[in-house]
Each structure stands twice: as C-alpha cells, then as structure tokens.
Amino acid sequence: MSRFITISVCLLLAFLLCPACDTVRVSTLDNGRDSFAEAKSTWIPGESTFEEMVQKYGQPSDKVDIEGGFAARWLDRRTVTSTPPLYGNTNPVANFEAELNRPRNVMTITTALEAFYNKHGVLKDLRIQVLDQN
C-alpha cells in the first residue's frame, strides 16, 4: 500500500509541476534555420543561372535591369508565435484558463534573397537580408 501511495504522490507532483517546465513555443518557424539558409552553399557565382533559381524559388518578387545585367529578389514571409512560460499555478483548471489567456507574441519576419546576374543570366553575386521584423 505504501508503494502505491509513493507512486501516486510522484505522479501527482509530476502532473502539477509539468506546466512550470513549459518553454517558449514556435508554431510556424524553425528558429534554428533562417530563410534561404541553403542559398549561399547551393548557388555558385559564375556557374548558377537565373533559370535554376526560378525552378527552385519560383518567379522573383522583383526583377530590375542594372548595369551589365539584372537583379532579382525573392521574398519569404514567416510568422512566429511565442508564449512565455507559465509558472506557479498548481490548479489544473487554473492552468487551462491561464493557458487560454496567456499573452502571445506574434512576429512576422520578411527575408529577401537578392541575386545579381550578368546579361546572360549567370549569377555574379547574392545576398540575404532580413527586411522586417515586427
């Protein structure tokens, strides 16, 4: 009987302390990986072409003529939703209500891949920029 009580108490404590172990959650973005993370290793200046990049990313958002060639920009918009950890509530009903009413931080991140080509469509240079975080 005492073993049953010990196990029951341990399970009860684990259940009650579990919400305190909550961490920030991300719903739609893997924070460890940036947009266009593979671009710098995939696209080689002097070898890669505009057509290859269009096959991978689709038509660019912007395309402009520049001296000696043209430039193209692809945009990636992602939404990150994070919540602060919940501490100190031991009542499961209160935890549920607190979970529903917990403040959430929603952030939209816009990242641009800008590529510069010669007049034949061969890549000369590229850069990745975070344009907006709000």
Foldseek 3Di string as FASTA:
>chain_A
DVVVVVVVVVVLVCVQCVLQPDAKDWDWDDVVADVCNCVVVPADFPPDFPVVVCVVQNAFPDKAADVQAIKGKHKDKIKTKIFHGDDDDRDPVVVVVCVVVTDIDIKIWMKMKMFTAGNVGGTHDIDIDTDDID
